[in-house]
C-alpha atoms as a PDB file:
ATOM      1  CA  MET A   1      -0.046   0.131  -0.108  1.00  0.00           C
ATOM      2  CA  GLU A   2       1.150   3.377  -0.691  1.00  0.00           C
ATOM      3  CA  ILE A   3       1.116   6.001   2.073  1.00  0.00           C
ATOM      4  CA  ASN A   4      -0.218   8.634  -0.547  1.00  0.00           C
ATOM      5  CA  ASN A   5      -3.407   6.772  -0.506  1.00  0.00           C
ATOM      6  CA  LEU A   6      -3.828   6.621   3.253  1.00  0.00           C
ATOM      7  CA  LEU A   7      -6.282   9.299   4.017  1.00  0.00           C
ATOM      8  CA  LYS A   8      -8.623   7.576   1.294  1.00  0.00           C
ATOM      9  CA  LEU A   9      -8.983   4.304   3.233  1.00  0.00           C
ATOM     10  CA  ASP A  10     -11.525   3.607   6.136  1.00  0.00           C
ATOM     11  CA  GLY A  11     -10.825   6.028   9.316  1.00  0.00           C
ATOM     12  CA  HIS A  12     -10.188   3.141  11.864  1.00  0.00           C
ATOM     13  CA  ILE A  13      -7.452   1.661   9.258  1.00  0.00           C
ATOM     14  CA  VAL A  14      -6.091   5.192   9.036  1.00  0.00           C
ATOM     15  CA  LEU A  15      -6.211   5.343  12.987  1.00  0.00           C
ATOM     16  CA  GLY A  16      -4.120   2.011  13.243  1.00  0.00           C
ATOM     17  CA  ILE A  17      -1.423   2.802  10.535  1.00  0.00           C
ATOM     18  CA  VAL A  18      -0.902   6.250  11.795  1.00  0.00           C
ATOM     19  CA  ASN A  19      -0.526   5.179  15.460  1.00  0.00           C
ATOM     20  CA  GLU A  20       1.668   2.319  14.662  1.00  0.00           C
ATOM     21  CA  LYS A  21       3.902   4.802  12.345  1.00  0.00           C
ATOM     22  CA  LEU A  22       3.979   7.306  15.331  1.00  0.00           C
ATOM     23  CA  ARG A  23       4.980   4.469  17.833  1.00  0.00           C
ATOM     24  CA  LEU A  24       7.649   2.908  15.579  1.00  0.00           C
ATOM     25  CA  GLU A  25       8.952   5.286  13.080  1.00  0.00           C
ATOM     26  CA  CYS A  26       8.015   9.176  14.045  1.00  0.00           C
ATOM     27  CA  ASN A  27       8.487  11.143  17.149  1.00  0.00           C
ATOM     28  CA  SER A  28       5.765  13.496  16.685  1.00  0.00           C
ATOM     29  CA  VAL A  29       2.852  14.196  14.310  1.00  0.00           C
ATOM     30  CA  ASP A  30       4.821  16.811  12.388  1.00  0.00           C
ATOM     31  CA  GLU A  31       7.549  14.314  11.678  1.00  0.00           C
ATOM     32  CA  LEU A  32       4.810  11.802  10.446  1.00  0.00           C
ATOM     33  CA  LEU A  33       3.271  14.456   8.155  1.00  0.00           C
ATOM     34  CA  SER A  34       6.647  15.608   6.889  1.00  0.00           C
ATOM     35  CA  ARG A  35       7.978  11.995   6.357  1.00  0.00           C
ATOM     36  CA  TYR A  36       4.855  10.740   4.356  1.00  0.00           C
ATOM     37  CA  GLU A  37       3.841  14.079   2.805  1.00  0.00           C
ATOM     38  CA  LEU A  38       0.483  14.193   4.226  1.00  0.00           C
ATOM     39  CA  ASP A  39      -1.705  17.228   4.565  1.00  0.00           C
ATOM     40  CA  ASN A  40      -2.065  18.162   8.151  1.00  0.00           C
ATOM     41  CA  ASP A  41      -5.797  19.522   8.079  1.00  0.00           C
ATOM     42  CA  GLU A  42      -6.844  16.307   6.174  1.00  0.00           C
ATOM     43  CA  LEU A  43      -5.534  14.025   8.684  1.00  0.00           C
ATOM     44  CA  MET A  44      -6.954  15.799  11.655  1.00  0.00           C
ATOM     45  CA  GLU A  45     -10.244  16.093  10.163  1.00  0.00           C
ATOM     46  CA  LYS A  46     -10.280  12.449   9.273  1.00  0.00           C
ATOM     47  CA  MET A  47      -9.348  11.538  12.932  1.00  0.00           C
ATOM     48  CA  ALA A  48     -11.929  14.279  14.336  1.00  0.00           C
ATOM     49  CA  GLU A  49     -14.644  12.452  12.282  1.00  0.00           C
ATOM     50  CA  LEU A  50     -13.858   9.418  14.521  1.00  0.00           C
ATOM     51  CA  GLY A  51     -13.599  11.448  17.651  1.00  0.00           C
ATOM     52  CA  PHE A  52      -9.788  11.008  17.887  1.00  0.00           C
ATOM     53  CA  GLN A  53      -7.357  13.800  18.442  1.00  0.00           C
ATOM     54  CA  TYR A  54      -3.579  13.683  18.612  1.00  0.00           C
ATOM     55  CA  ASP A  55      -2.205  13.630  22.163  1.00  0.00           C
ATOM     56  CA  PRO A  56       1.473  14.823  21.885  1.00  0.00           C
ATOM     57  CA  ILE A  57       2.412  13.508  25.422  1.00  0.00           C
ATOM     58  CA  ASN A  58       1.711   9.872  24.233  1.00  0.00           C
ATOM     59  CA  ASN A  59       2.515  10.636  20.534  1.00  0.00           C
ATOM     60  CA  GLN A  60      -0.875   9.113  19.423  1.00  0.00           C
ATOM     61  CA  PHE A  61      -4.386   9.578  18.401  1.00  0.00           C
ATOM     62  CA  LYS A  62      -6.687   8.882  21.318  1.00  0.00           C
END
């Protein structure tokens, strides 16, 4: 799967992939956005639709 198509997937799948990338590869959501060339507003909107928001202390969407 190409990460470029990530935000087109079901929100729960996006949540799992994003949190895994944050846990294993990226130290912040900014690093994740930069590394995978994701749009901040699109990602935040997708997560907000599911009721999740980024928690910088735990470096994950909750």
